[in-house]
Amino acid sequence: MARDGASVDHVTAPIDATTTSAWTELTALRDGFAPDLRGWFAADPGRVERLSLPLADLHVDLSKNLVTDEVLASLVRLAEQTGVAERYAAMLAGEHINTTEDRAVLHTALRRPAGASPALVVDGQNVDQDVQDVLAAVTAFAERVRSGQWLGVTGKKVQTIVNIGIGGSDLGPVMVSAALEPYADTGISARFVSNIDPTDIAQKTAGLDPETTLFIVASKTFTTLETLTNARLARDWLWTHLEKAGAIDGSEGARTDAVAHHFVAVSTALDRVAAFGIDPANAFGFWDWVGGRYSVDSAIGLSLAIELGPDIFRELLAGFHAVDEHVRTTPLERNVPVLMGLLNVWYSNFLGSQSHAVLPYAQQLHRFAAYLQQLTMESNGKSVRWDGTPVTTETGEVFWGEPGTNGQHAFYQLIHQGTRLIPADFIAFANPAYPLTDDGRDVHGLFLANFLAQTKALAFGKTAAEVEAEGTTGPLVAARTFPGNRPTTSIFAASLTPRVLGELIALYEHITFTQGVIWGINSFDQWGVELGKQLAMQIAPAIEGDEAALQAQDASTRALLEYYRTHREY
């Protein structure tokens, strides 16, 4: 049984990484550090084999990173001296490592297989049983919708599901839906609404048949401003279009019946769900020990279980769990997520990097970078440690990226020849979802030639002598020289399967965790999003004409509000 979580008044102070002997070693290694990937590869035939590691179904090549064996050894010692393994064990055991909210952090429990032993009991609650109960309910409901047992108010089968959520209630499902679109097998399509900008709900409901549309409202507390606003707009859209089509009359009873047939919820606030008109029996819960950005494998994935099927959803969970087990059982020096997290610390804290590119050579992963932005930056964008003291290092990175080869024609110039160090992760798959040929050539092979070429060019560059040997002279030589020594990690898998996608997501969860522990921060709260939300509620009356609210604003905000009032067309 897990120990009870410590009171927030008695939080154990994190280990200050800068006081460790490993940090001192890394600082000394940084001073005068002169990366030379060309030289390292030439002098060390075993480098690639030594730095290519398996992670479940993933093949991860770290050899093009700016590290020597000595640097890697010191980074591993840093993980040891800051207690990364111990902190991970504490998380798995259900200790309250989310200190500011005094909560356990148990997203890894969402993908534990049924019957796992020993059972996970935290704060007197059987977490395994809770998770399996909700998963069974999600599975049963998804099967009802997919089979046509669940019908709309006029007796028609669901053809479109619209997930209404924001943040983790949107970014995960929309990313996975796009990534696994080839597995959607029943003709049920999914759309996703998140932005409170009315354009979003208007565009996502355009062309839909209200009689065959099912809305999923995803909000743990059922109070999120954006989600509830969009849910009410969706409800109004449903009523208006059903009445216009003569499918229902305008009576209160008919409207209530329509909502009951066309709305379900992912929430634990059953009273608010019922007040909205959704039958609480059709509300699927999750827990305060899972943050939104870690929740795609919870009931937040209901839209995925419907669109893709419960079996595919369970395969996704199995991929998550495989990486959880790798992290739990693999020594630090071979532990892929830990090593990748350590490399990010090396680049951020010792080599001055401020951003990190994620470049999937798979169009299906076109929303993966956006998903990682919340996962990494909401988790580690902190300036205080988990005991409330100031951080002692730079923290967080700006994560960004686009699928290749689109990015090659946009921002790769900066990565190749700019003045900033931008580590990049390249992700690719040997087999495409849609194999096509062009004039007898395998298009996917051509695509992957770009994947391989970019990491080679970034690592080894092109010298002035090589440029001149091609006949270039004068000032053009410098323009066509590539410095190389731009670090990349290559992540390969056979195919983008549900299991592999789960592995990729979990990989970055644990990279984020590793960095958070080393920096001594709580990666599982997000107080930074609260102030703006509070101020928006204070400004809203001024938008609506309240003069007192207008005068309460600062000069800049008042001027902007006046501009809005002057130019808004009613």
Protein backbone atom coordinates (compact mmCIF):
# COMPACT_ATOMS: atom_id res chain seq x y z
CA MET A 1 0.00 0.00 0.00
CA ALA A 2 1.25 3.48 -0.85
CA ARG A 3 2.23 5.80 1.95
CA ASP A 4 -0.11 8.69 2.60
CA GLY A 5 0.92 11.86 0.81
CA ALA A 6 2.91 14.36 2.82
CA SER A 7 1.16 17.50 3.93
CA VAL A 8 2.00 20.52 1.82
CA ASP A 9 3.23 22.13 5.04
CA HIS A 10 5.97 19.50 5.31
CA VAL A 11 7.20 19.22 1.75
CA THR A 12 10.64 17.74 1.31
CA ALA A 13 12.94 20.21 -0.39
CA PRO A 14 14.19 19.19 -3.82
CA ILE A 15 17.86 18.51 -4.31
CA ASP A 16 19.49 21.58 -5.84
CA ALA A 17 21.10 20.22 -9.01
CA THR A 18 23.64 23.03 -9.06
CA THR A 19 25.12 21.84 -5.75
CA THR A 20 25.84 18.31 -6.96
CA SER A 21 29.25 17.06 -8.01
CA ALA A 22 27.73 16.05 -11.36
CA TRP A 23 26.74 19.64 -12.07
CA THR A 24 30.30 20.73 -11.30
CA GLU A 25 31.61 18.06 -13.69
CA LEU A 26 29.25 19.18 -16.44
CA THR A 27 30.21 22.82 -15.96
CA ALA A 28 33.87 21.89 -16.37
CA LEU A 29 33.08 19.83 -19.46
CA ARG A 30 31.08 22.72 -20.90
CA ASP A 31 33.95 25.16 -20.53
CA GLY A 32 35.92 24.88 -23.73
CA PHE A 33 33.52 22.26 -25.13
CA ALA A 34 34.11 21.94 -28.88
CA PRO A 35 31.64 19.57 -30.51
CA ASP A 36 32.98 17.72 -33.52
CA LEU A 37 30.51 15.17 -34.83
CA ARG A 38 32.59 14.56 -37.96
CA GLY A 39 35.66 13.84 -35.90
CA TRP A 40 33.81 11.79 -33.30
CA PHE A 41 32.19 9.57 -35.92
CA ALA A 42 35.48 9.10 -37.76
CA ALA A 43 37.39 8.19 -34.61
CA ASP A 44 34.72 6.00 -33.02
CA PRO A 45 33.23 3.24 -35.23
CA GLY A 46 31.13 2.01 -32.30
CA ARG A 47 29.43 5.34 -31.57
CA VAL A 48 26.22 4.60 -33.47
CA GLU A 49 25.75 1.13 -32.01
CA ARG A 50 26.52 2.36 -28.50
CA LEU A 51 24.10 5.29 -28.72
CA SER A 52 21.25 3.52 -30.55
CA LEU A 53 18.77 2.18 -28.02
CA PRO A 54 15.50 0.24 -28.13
CA LEU A 55 12.39 1.62 -26.46
CA ALA A 56 9.57 -0.89 -26.83
CA ASP A 57 8.79 -0.72 -30.59
CA LEU A 58 10.88 2.41 -31.13
CA HIS A 59 14.46 2.59 -32.37
CA VAL A 60 16.13 5.68 -30.92
CA ASP A 61 19.44 6.95 -32.31
CA LEU A 62 21.16 9.44 -30.00
CA SER A 63 24.51 9.34 -31.83
CA LYS A 64 24.10 12.73 -33.55
CA ASN A 65 23.77 14.56 -30.25
CA LEU A 66 26.53 16.84 -28.97
CA VAL A 67 27.79 14.52 -26.26
CA THR A 68 30.81 12.43 -25.49
CA ASP A 69 30.82 9.35 -23.29
CA GLU A 70 32.21 11.55 -20.53
CA VAL A 71 29.36 14.04 -20.83
CA LEU A 72 26.76 11.26 -20.86
CA ALA A 73 28.29 9.66 -17.78
CA SER A 74 28.12 12.97 -15.90
CA LEU A 75 24.52 13.50 -17.00
CA VAL A 76 23.58 10.06 -15.69
CA ARG A 77 25.28 10.91 -12.39
CA LEU A 78 23.20 14.10 -12.32
CA ALA A 79 20.04 12.00 -12.57
CA GLU A 80 21.31 9.78 -9.77
CA GLN A 81 22.27 12.68 -7.53
CA THR A 82 18.96 14.51 -8.00
CA GLY A 83 16.90 11.40 -7.30
CA VAL A 84 15.16 10.86 -10.65
CA ALA A 85 14.62 7.12 -10.06
CA GLU A 86 13.41 7.68 -6.50
CA ARG A 87 11.00 10.40 -7.60
CA TYR A 88 9.62 8.14 -10.31
CA ALA A 89 9.08 5.36 -7.79
CA ALA A 90 7.30 7.83 -5.50
CA MET A 91 5.01 8.83 -8.37
CA LEU A 92 4.16 5.23 -9.21
CA ALA A 93 3.45 4.51 -5.56
CA GLY A 94 0.93 7.33 -5.33
CA GLU A 95 2.84 9.70 -3.08
CA HIS A 96 1.58 13.28 -3.30
CA ILE A 97 4.34 14.64 -5.50
CA ASN A 98 1.98 17.33 -6.81
CA THR A 99 2.79 19.47 -3.81
CA THR A 100 0.85 22.66 -4.53
CA GLU A 101 -2.40 20.70 -4.83
CA ASP A 102 -1.45 17.96 -2.35
CA ARG A 103 -2.27 15.21 -4.84
CA ALA A 104 -0.89 11.98 -6.15
CA VAL A 105 0.19 11.91 -9.80
CA LEU A 106 -1.14 8.72 -11.35
CA HIS A 107 -1.55 9.08 -15.09
CA THR A 108 0.56 5.92 -15.36
CA ALA A 109 -2.27 4.07 -13.57
CA LEU A 110 -4.58 4.82 -16.49
CA ARG A 111 -2.70 2.30 -18.64
CA ARG A 112 -1.94 -0.43 -16.11
CA PRO A 113 -3.33 -3.69 -17.50
CA ALA A 114 -6.37 -5.27 -15.89
CA GLY A 115 -5.40 -7.60 -13.09
CA ALA A 116 -2.04 -5.97 -12.46
CA SER A 117 -0.50 -7.25 -9.24
CA PRO A 118 -0.13 -6.04 -6.62
CA ALA A 119 -3.16 -3.80 -6.90
CA LEU A 120 -2.47 -0.08 -6.71
CA VAL A 121 -4.13 1.31 -3.60
CA VAL A 122 -3.60 5.02 -2.87
CA ASP A 123 -5.04 6.92 0.06
CA GLY A 124 -7.22 3.91 0.80
CA GLN A 125 -8.70 3.79 -2.71
CA ASN A 126 -8.22 0.91 -5.16
CA VAL A 127 -7.03 2.94 -8.14
CA ASP A 128 -6.81 -0.07 -10.45
CA GLN A 129 -10.45 -0.94 -9.88
CA ASP A 130 -11.55 2.66 -10.41
CA VAL A 131 -9.65 2.88 -13.69
CA GLN A 132 -10.95 -0.43 -15.01
CA ASP A 133 -14.54 0.45 -14.07
CA VAL A 134 -14.41 3.67 -16.08
CA LEU A 135 -12.63 1.98 -18.97
CA ALA A 136 -15.34 -0.69 -19.04
CA ALA A 137 -18.03 2.01 -19.09
CA VAL A 138 -16.26 3.88 -21.91
CA THR A 139 -15.90 0.63 -23.86
CA ALA A 140 -19.56 -0.30 -23.44
CA PHE A 141 -20.78 3.11 -24.51
CA ALA A 142 -18.43 3.24 -27.49
CA GLU A 143 -19.72 -0.13 -28.66
CA ARG A 144 -23.32 1.05 -28.35
CA VAL A 145 -22.61 4.06 -30.56
CA ARG A 146 -20.51 2.14 -33.08
CA SER A 147 -23.03 -0.68 -33.42
CA GLY A 148 -26.00 1.63 -33.83
CA GLN A 149 -27.66 0.68 -30.54
CA TRP A 150 -27.35 4.32 -29.45
CA LEU A 151 -29.62 6.41 -31.64
CA GLY A 152 -30.40 10.08 -31.96
CA VAL A 153 -33.73 11.54 -30.99
CA THR A 154 -35.25 10.66 -34.38
CA GLY A 155 -33.90 7.11 -34.38
CA LYS A 156 -30.90 7.64 -36.63
CA LYS A 157 -27.42 6.20 -36.09
CA VAL A 158 -24.59 8.54 -35.05
CA GLN A 159 -22.36 9.53 -37.96
CA THR A 160 -20.37 12.38 -36.40
CA ILE A 161 -19.05 12.96 -32.91
CA VAL A 162 -18.06 16.46 -31.83
CA ASN A 163 -15.72 16.65 -28.85
CA ILE A 164 -16.03 19.93 -26.95
CA GLY A 165 -13.09 20.60 -24.62
CA ILE A 166 -9.97 22.72 -24.32
CA GLY A 167 -6.35 22.17 -23.33
CA GLY A 168 -5.82 18.54 -22.40
CA SER A 169 -9.47 17.80 -23.13
CA ASP A 170 -8.84 18.74 -26.76
CA LEU A 171 -5.16 18.58 -27.72
CA GLY A 172 -4.76 14.89 -26.92
CA PRO A 173 -7.92 13.59 -28.61
CA VAL A 174 -7.51 15.77 -31.71
CA MET A 175 -3.87 14.72 -32.11
CA VAL A 176 -4.58 11.01 -31.67
CA SER A 177 -7.62 11.16 -33.95
CA ALA A 178 -5.50 12.59 -36.76
CA ALA A 179 -2.61 10.20 -36.11
CA LEU A 180 -4.78 7.09 -36.14
CA GLU A 181 -7.29 8.15 -38.80
CA PRO A 182 -6.48 5.07 -40.94
CA TYR A 183 -7.90 2.92 -38.12
CA ALA A 184 -11.33 4.60 -38.13
CA ASP A 185 -13.45 1.75 -39.46
CA THR A 186 -17.15 2.41 -38.92
CA GLY A 187 -17.83 5.55 -40.90
CA ILE A 188 -18.08 7.67 -37.74
CA SER A 189 -16.06 10.85 -38.12
CA ALA A 190 -14.83 13.11 -35.33
CA ARG A 191 -14.61 16.87 -35.04
CA PHE A 192 -13.13 18.90 -32.21
CA VAL A 193 -14.17 22.27 -30.80
CA SER A 194 -11.97 24.11 -28.30
CA ASN A 195 -11.61 27.83 -28.98
CA ILE A 196 -14.15 30.23 -27.50
CA ASP A 197 -13.83 32.20 -30.73
CA PRO A 198 -17.32 31.60 -32.19
CA THR A 199 -15.70 30.78 -35.51
CA ASP A 200 -14.63 27.41 -34.13
CA ILE A 201 -18.08 26.12 -33.18
CA ALA A 202 -19.60 27.63 -36.32
CA GLN A 203 -17.14 25.92 -38.63
CA LYS A 204 -17.18 22.58 -36.82
CA THR A 205 -20.97 22.30 -36.92
CA ALA A 206 -21.24 23.51 -40.51
CA GLY A 207 -22.72 20.85 -42.76
CA LEU A 208 -23.57 18.46 -39.95
CA ASP A 209 -26.90 16.68 -39.65
CA PRO A 210 -28.18 17.30 -36.12
CA GLU A 211 -30.07 14.00 -36.21
CA THR A 212 -26.81 12.04 -36.57
CA THR A 213 -24.48 14.17 -34.41
CA LEU A 214 -23.33 13.29 -30.88
CA PHE A 215 -21.62 15.92 -28.72
CA ILE A 216 -19.12 14.99 -26.00
CA VAL A 217 -18.62 17.75 -23.43
CA ALA A 218 -15.27 17.19 -21.71
CA SER A 219 -14.76 19.19 -18.54
CA LYS A 220 -13.76 17.67 -15.22
CA THR A 221 -15.57 20.29 -13.13
CA PHE A 222 -18.09 21.24 -15.81
CA THR A 223 -17.24 24.87 -15.18
CA THR A 224 -14.53 25.60 -17.80
CA LEU A 225 -15.59 28.86 -19.45
CA GLU A 226 -14.65 27.97 -23.02
CA THR A 227 -16.05 24.45 -22.88
CA LEU A 228 -19.35 25.37 -21.26
CA THR A 229 -19.86 28.32 -23.61
CA ASN A 230 -19.28 26.09 -26.62
CA ALA A 231 -21.51 23.39 -25.13
CA ARG A 232 -24.39 25.85 -24.78
CA LEU A 233 -23.82 27.07 -28.33
CA ALA A 234 -23.86 23.47 -29.54
CA ARG A 235 -27.07 22.81 -27.63
CA ASP A 236 -28.69 25.89 -29.19
CA TRP A 237 -27.51 24.71 -32.62
CA LEU A 238 -29.04 21.28 -32.01
CA TRP A 239 -32.40 22.68 -30.91
CA THR A 240 -32.57 25.24 -33.71
CA HIS A 241 -31.78 22.77 -36.48
CA LEU A 242 -33.96 19.97 -35.15
CA GLU A 243 -36.91 22.34 -34.82
CA LYS A 244 -36.28 23.82 -38.27
CA ALA A 245 -36.29 20.30 -39.75
CA GLY A 246 -39.50 19.46 -37.91
CA ALA A 247 -37.74 16.69 -36.01
CA ILE A 248 -38.86 18.11 -32.63
CA ASP A 249 -41.24 20.81 -31.51
CA GLY A 250 -40.14 23.70 -29.35
CA SER A 251 -41.46 22.31 -26.10
CA GLU A 252 -39.25 21.98 -23.04
CA GLY A 253 -39.80 18.23 -22.98
CA ALA A 254 -38.75 17.80 -26.59
CA ARG A 255 -35.65 19.89 -26.08
CA THR A 256 -34.69 17.93 -22.97
CA ASP A 257 -35.16 14.66 -24.84
CA ALA A 258 -32.98 15.91 -27.70
CA VAL A 259 -30.11 16.79 -25.36
CA ALA A 260 -30.37 13.40 -23.67
CA HIS A 261 -29.94 11.68 -27.06
CA HIS A 262 -27.23 13.93 -28.48
CA PHE A 263 -25.03 14.94 -25.53
CA VAL A 264 -22.79 12.97 -23.16
CA ALA A 265 -20.15 14.23 -20.75
CA VAL A 266 -16.68 13.45 -19.51
CA SER A 267 -16.89 14.95 -16.03
CA THR A 268 -17.15 14.16 -12.36
CA ALA A 269 -19.55 17.04 -11.57
CA LEU A 270 -22.74 15.01 -12.01
CA ASP A 271 -24.99 17.73 -10.58
CA ARG A 272 -23.81 20.26 -13.18
CA VAL A 273 -24.01 17.62 -15.91
CA ALA A 274 -27.63 16.94 -14.98
CA ALA A 275 -28.45 20.65 -14.81
CA PHE A 276 -27.21 20.98 -18.39
CA GLY A 277 -29.62 18.23 -19.44
CA ILE A 278 -27.24 15.31 -19.81
CA ASP A 279 -28.22 12.07 -18.10
CA PRO A 280 -25.58 11.49 -15.35
CA ALA A 281 -25.60 7.83 -16.43
CA ASN A 282 -23.91 9.09 -19.59
CA ALA A 283 -21.15 10.94 -17.77
CA PHE A 284 -17.73 9.32 -17.63
CA GLY A 285 -15.43 10.38 -14.83
CA PHE A 286 -11.76 10.83 -14.16
CA TRP A 287 -9.79 11.88 -11.12
CA ASP A 288 -7.93 14.80 -9.61
CA TRP A 289 -4.70 12.79 -9.79
CA VAL A 290 -4.58 13.09 -13.56
CA GLY A 291 -3.87 16.49 -15.08
CA GLY A 292 -5.49 17.48 -18.34
CA ARG A 293 -2.30 17.25 -20.38
CA TYR A 294 -1.81 13.68 -19.14
CA SER A 295 -5.42 12.58 -19.66
CA VAL A 296 -5.82 11.39 -23.26
CA ASP A 297 -5.66 7.81 -22.00
CA SER A 298 -8.51 8.44 -19.53
CA ALA A 299 -12.21 8.91 -20.28
CA ILE A 300 -11.09 12.06 -22.12
CA GLY A 301 -10.35 9.57 -24.90
CA LEU A 302 -14.06 8.67 -25.24
CA SER A 303 -14.21 10.25 -28.70
CA LEU A 304 -11.29 8.03 -29.73
CA ALA A 305 -12.89 4.88 -28.36
CA ILE A 306 -15.96 5.65 -30.49
CA GLU A 307 -14.17 6.74 -33.66
CA LEU A 308 -11.43 4.10 -33.61
CA GLY A 309 -12.96 1.39 -31.43
CA PRO A 310 -12.22 0.15 -27.91
CA ASP A 311 -9.67 -2.41 -29.11
CA ILE A 312 -7.59 0.30 -30.78
CA PHE A 313 -7.88 2.44 -27.65
CA ARG A 314 -6.59 -0.44 -25.53
CA GLU A 315 -3.65 -0.88 -27.91
CA LEU A 316 -2.85 2.79 -27.40
CA LEU A 317 -2.88 2.21 -23.62
CA ALA A 318 -0.59 -0.79 -24.03
CA GLY A 319 1.96 1.41 -25.78
CA PHE A 320 1.90 3.89 -22.91
CA HIS A 321 2.40 1.08 -20.41
CA ALA A 322 5.32 -0.43 -22.31
CA VAL A 323 7.26 2.83 -21.92
CA ASP A 324 6.23 3.16 -18.27
CA GLU A 325 7.74 -0.26 -17.67
CA HIS A 326 10.90 0.64 -19.59
CA VAL A 327 11.40 3.68 -17.37
CA ARG A 328 10.66 1.68 -14.23
CA THR A 329 12.96 -1.25 -14.96
CA THR A 330 15.81 0.06 -17.15
CA PRO A 331 19.06 1.38 -15.64
CA LEU A 332 19.50 5.11 -16.08
CA GLU A 333 22.41 4.75 -18.49
CA ARG A 334 20.17 2.82 -20.95
CA ASN A 335 16.86 4.46 -20.05
CA VAL A 336 15.77 6.26 -23.22
CA PRO A 337 13.32 8.84 -21.82
CA VAL A 338 15.72 9.67 -18.99
CA LEU A 339 18.64 10.06 -21.38
CA MET A 340 16.62 12.30 -23.70
CA GLY A 341 15.56 14.41 -20.74
CA LEU A 342 19.19 14.67 -19.64
CA LEU A 343 20.23 15.74 -23.12
CA ASN A 344 17.65 18.52 -22.96
CA VAL A 345 19.13 19.65 -19.64
CA TRP A 346 22.61 19.62 -21.20
CA TYR A 347 21.45 21.80 -24.07
CA SER A 348 19.29 24.13 -21.97
CA ASN A 349 21.48 24.62 -18.92
CA PHE A 350 24.98 24.24 -20.31
CA LEU A 351 24.94 24.99 -24.06
CA GLY A 352 22.41 27.84 -24.05
CA SER A 353 19.60 26.31 -26.08
CA GLN A 354 16.17 27.85 -25.54
CA SER A 355 13.93 25.91 -27.90
CA HIS A 356 13.46 22.37 -29.12
CA ALA A 357 12.06 21.27 -32.48
CA VAL A 358 10.00 18.11 -32.95
CA LEU A 359 9.86 17.17 -36.62
CA PRO A 360 7.72 14.16 -37.48
CA TYR A 361 8.14 12.82 -41.00
CA ALA A 362 4.53 11.66 -40.92
CA GLN A 363 1.63 13.88 -41.93
CA GLN A 364 -0.57 11.98 -39.49
CA LEU A 365 1.44 13.58 -36.66
CA HIS A 366 0.74 17.13 -37.83
CA ARG A 367 -0.73 17.99 -34.40
CA PHE A 368 1.98 16.24 -32.36
CA ALA A 369 4.10 19.35 -31.77
CA ALA A 370 1.04 21.28 -30.60
CA TYR A 371 0.24 18.47 -28.19
CA LEU A 372 3.81 18.51 -26.86
CA GLN A 373 3.67 22.26 -26.36
CA GLN A 374 1.12 21.85 -23.61
CA LEU A 375 2.73 18.73 -22.19
CA THR A 376 6.20 20.23 -21.89
CA MET A 377 5.66 23.96 -21.42
CA GLU A 378 2.68 23.79 -19.08
CA SER A 379 4.54 21.18 -17.04
CA ASN A 380 7.98 22.74 -16.83
CA GLY A 381 7.36 26.43 -17.41
CA LYS A 382 7.97 27.24 -13.75
CA SER A 383 10.22 29.62 -11.83
CA VAL A 384 9.71 28.14 -8.35
CA ARG A 385 10.58 24.69 -7.09
CA TRP A 386 8.14 22.25 -5.55
CA ASP A 387 8.86 23.59 -2.06
CA GLY A 388 8.09 27.18 -3.12
CA THR A 389 11.70 28.36 -3.32
CA PRO A 390 13.11 30.01 -6.47
CA VAL A 391 14.62 27.77 -9.11
CA THR A 392 18.39 27.70 -9.32
CA THR A 393 18.62 27.04 -13.08
CA GLU A 394 16.94 27.97 -16.31
CA THR A 395 13.83 25.80 -16.77
CA GLY A 396 11.60 24.80 -19.64
CA GLU A 397 12.09 24.96 -23.38
CA VAL A 398 9.95 26.28 -26.20
CA PHE A 399 8.74 23.19 -28.05
CA TRP A 400 7.65 23.64 -31.65
CA GLY A 401 7.65 21.95 -35.02
CA GLU A 402 5.82 20.90 -38.16
CA PRO A 403 5.76 17.73 -40.23
CA GLY A 404 8.51 17.19 -42.80
CA THR A 405 8.94 18.06 -45.56
CA ASN A 406 6.78 21.15 -44.95
CA GLY A 407 9.21 22.45 -42.35
CA GLN A 408 12.13 22.10 -44.76
CA HIS A 409 10.54 24.80 -46.91
CA ALA A 410 9.83 27.03 -43.93
CA PHE A 411 12.14 27.15 -40.90
CA TYR A 412 14.93 24.62 -41.44
CA GLN A 413 17.13 27.46 -42.67
CA LEU A 414 17.37 28.75 -39.11
CA ILE A 415 18.25 25.33 -37.74
CA HIS A 416 20.94 24.71 -40.36
CA GLN A 417 22.68 28.08 -40.63
CA GLY A 418 21.28 30.34 -37.93
CA THR A 419 23.13 31.48 -34.84
CA ARG A 420 20.91 29.66 -32.36
CA LEU A 421 21.39 26.11 -31.12
CA ILE A 422 18.13 24.22 -31.72
CA PRO A 423 18.15 20.54 -30.81
CA ALA A 424 15.65 18.61 -32.93
CA ASP A 425 13.89 15.26 -32.69
CA PHE A 426 13.15 13.60 -36.03
CA ILE A 427 10.40 10.95 -36.04
CA ALA A 428 9.75 8.58 -38.94
CA PHE A 429 8.15 5.25 -39.85
CA ALA A 430 9.40 2.62 -42.27
CA ASN A 431 5.91 1.86 -43.58
CA PRO A 432 3.35 4.48 -44.67
CA ALA A 433 -0.35 4.42 -43.94
CA TYR A 434 -1.03 5.02 -47.63
CA PRO A 435 1.65 3.47 -49.90
CA LEU A 436 1.74 5.26 -53.25
CA THR A 437 4.07 5.34 -56.23
CA ASP A 438 4.92 8.12 -58.65
CA ASP A 439 6.26 7.05 -62.03
CA GLY A 440 7.33 3.77 -60.50
CA ARG A 441 9.05 5.31 -57.47
CA ASP A 442 7.98 4.69 -53.90
CA VAL A 443 6.87 8.10 -52.67
CA HIS A 444 7.36 7.16 -49.02
CA GLY A 445 10.94 6.14 -49.76
CA LEU A 446 11.56 9.56 -51.28
CA PHE A 447 9.99 11.13 -48.22
CA LEU A 448 12.27 9.19 -45.88
CA ALA A 449 15.30 10.11 -47.97
CA ASN A 450 14.60 13.67 -46.79
CA PHE A 451 14.34 12.51 -43.17
CA LEU A 452 17.73 10.84 -43.40
CA ALA A 453 19.33 13.65 -45.38
CA GLN A 454 18.30 16.36 -42.93
CA THR A 455 19.80 14.70 -39.86
CA LYS A 456 22.98 13.99 -41.84
CA ALA A 457 23.25 17.58 -43.04
CA LEU A 458 22.60 19.01 -39.59
CA ALA A 459 25.20 16.76 -38.00
CA PHE A 460 28.04 16.93 -40.51
CA GLY A 461 27.39 20.12 -42.46
CA LYS A 462 29.40 21.10 -45.51
CA THR A 463 32.85 22.63 -45.34
CA ALA A 464 34.13 25.56 -47.38
CA ALA A 465 36.55 23.18 -49.11
CA GLU A 466 33.68 20.93 -50.14
CA VAL A 467 31.77 23.92 -51.48
CA GLU A 468 34.78 25.13 -53.47
CA ALA A 469 35.35 21.64 -54.85
CA GLU A 470 31.94 21.95 -56.49
CA GLY A 471 33.10 25.06 -58.35
CA THR A 472 31.72 27.79 -56.10
CA THR A 473 34.02 30.78 -55.50
CA GLY A 474 34.07 34.13 -53.76
CA PRO A 475 31.49 35.32 -51.26
CA LEU A 476 29.09 32.51 -52.23
CA VAL A 477 31.36 30.00 -50.53
CA ALA A 478 30.47 31.26 -47.05
CA ALA A 479 26.77 31.38 -47.89
CA ARG A 480 26.83 27.76 -49.02
CA THR A 481 28.85 26.44 -46.09
CA PHE A 482 27.00 24.54 -43.40
CA PRO A 483 28.61 24.48 -39.94
CA GLY A 484 27.13 21.12 -38.88
CA ASN A 485 27.23 20.04 -35.23
CA ARG A 486 23.50 20.72 -35.00
CA PRO A 487 22.16 18.07 -32.61
CA THR A 488 19.38 15.67 -33.56
CA THR A 489 17.75 12.55 -32.19
CA SER A 490 16.24 10.12 -34.69
CA ILE A 491 13.22 8.07 -33.61
CA PHE A 492 12.20 5.28 -35.97
CA ALA A 493 9.41 2.71 -35.84
CA ALA A 494 8.11 0.18 -38.32
CA SER A 495 4.65 1.79 -38.59
CA LEU A 496 2.52 4.37 -36.82
CA THR A 497 0.29 1.91 -34.99
CA PRO A 498 -1.88 2.70 -31.95
CA ARG A 499 0.70 1.01 -29.72
CA VAL A 500 3.57 2.99 -31.23
CA LEU A 501 1.66 6.27 -30.81
CA GLY A 502 1.13 5.46 -27.13
CA GLU A 503 4.86 4.83 -26.83
CA LEU A 504 5.70 8.18 -28.42
CA ILE A 505 3.38 10.10 -26.12
CA ALA A 506 4.68 8.34 -23.01
CA LEU A 507 8.27 8.93 -24.15
CA TYR A 508 7.74 12.69 -24.00
CA GLU A 509 5.80 12.47 -20.73
CA HIS A 510 8.84 10.87 -19.11
CA ILE A 511 11.31 13.22 -20.79
CA THR A 512 9.32 16.05 -19.23
CA PHE A 513 9.27 14.30 -15.86
CA THR A 514 13.03 13.78 -15.87
CA GLN A 515 13.74 17.44 -16.53
CA GLY A 516 11.26 18.52 -13.88
CA VAL A 517 12.95 16.41 -11.22
CA ILE A 518 16.40 17.72 -12.09
CA TRP A 519 15.14 21.30 -11.95
CA GLY A 520 13.29 20.57 -8.70
CA ILE A 521 9.95 21.76 -10.02
CA ASN A 522 6.41 20.38 -9.78
CA SER A 523 5.59 19.36 -13.34
CA PHE A 524 1.97 18.61 -12.49
CA ASP A 525 0.32 21.91 -11.62
CA GLN A 526 -0.42 24.89 -13.88
CA TRP A 527 -1.13 27.95 -11.78
CA GLY A 528 0.24 30.15 -14.53
CA VAL A 529 -2.97 29.77 -16.52
CA GLU A 530 -5.19 31.07 -13.72
CA LEU A 531 -4.50 34.81 -13.53
CA GLY A 532 -5.47 35.58 -17.10
CA LYS A 533 -8.69 33.59 -16.71
CA GLN A 534 -9.58 35.53 -13.55
CA LEU A 535 -8.88 38.88 -15.18
CA ALA A 536 -10.96 37.94 -18.23
CA MET A 537 -13.98 37.53 -15.98
CA GLN A 538 -13.34 41.01 -14.57
CA ILE A 539 -12.94 42.54 -18.03
CA ALA A 540 -16.00 40.85 -19.56
CA PRO A 541 -18.47 43.34 -17.98
CA ALA A 542 -16.50 46.20 -19.52
CA ILE A 543 -16.80 44.53 -22.92
CA GLU A 544 -20.55 44.42 -22.34
CA GLY A 545 -20.81 48.12 -21.47
CA ASP A 546 -20.28 48.33 -17.70
CA GLU A 547 -18.65 51.74 -17.17
CA ALA A 548 -17.43 50.98 -13.67
CA ALA A 549 -15.67 47.86 -14.95
CA LEU A 550 -14.16 49.92 -17.76
CA GLN A 551 -12.80 52.57 -15.40
CA ALA A 552 -11.30 49.88 -13.16
CA GLN A 553 -8.89 48.85 -15.90
CA ASP A 554 -5.38 50.14 -16.50
CA ALA A 555 -4.86 52.83 -19.14
CA SER A 556 -3.76 50.45 -21.89
CA THR A 557 -6.63 48.03 -21.34
CA ARG A 558 -9.12 50.93 -21.24
CA ALA A 559 -7.80 52.26 -24.54
CA LEU A 560 -8.07 48.83 -26.15
CA LEU A 561 -11.61 48.45 -24.84
CA GLU A 562 -12.51 51.84 -26.29
CA TYR A 563 -11.11 50.74 -29.64
CA TYR A 564 -13.25 47.61 -29.47
CA ARG A 565 -16.38 49.60 -28.62
CA THR A 566 -15.75 52.03 -31.44
CA HIS A 567 -15.19 49.41 -34.11
CA ARG A 568 -17.54 46.61 -33.07
CA GLU A 569 -20.46 46.37 -35.49
CA TYR A 570 -23.70 45.29 -33.85
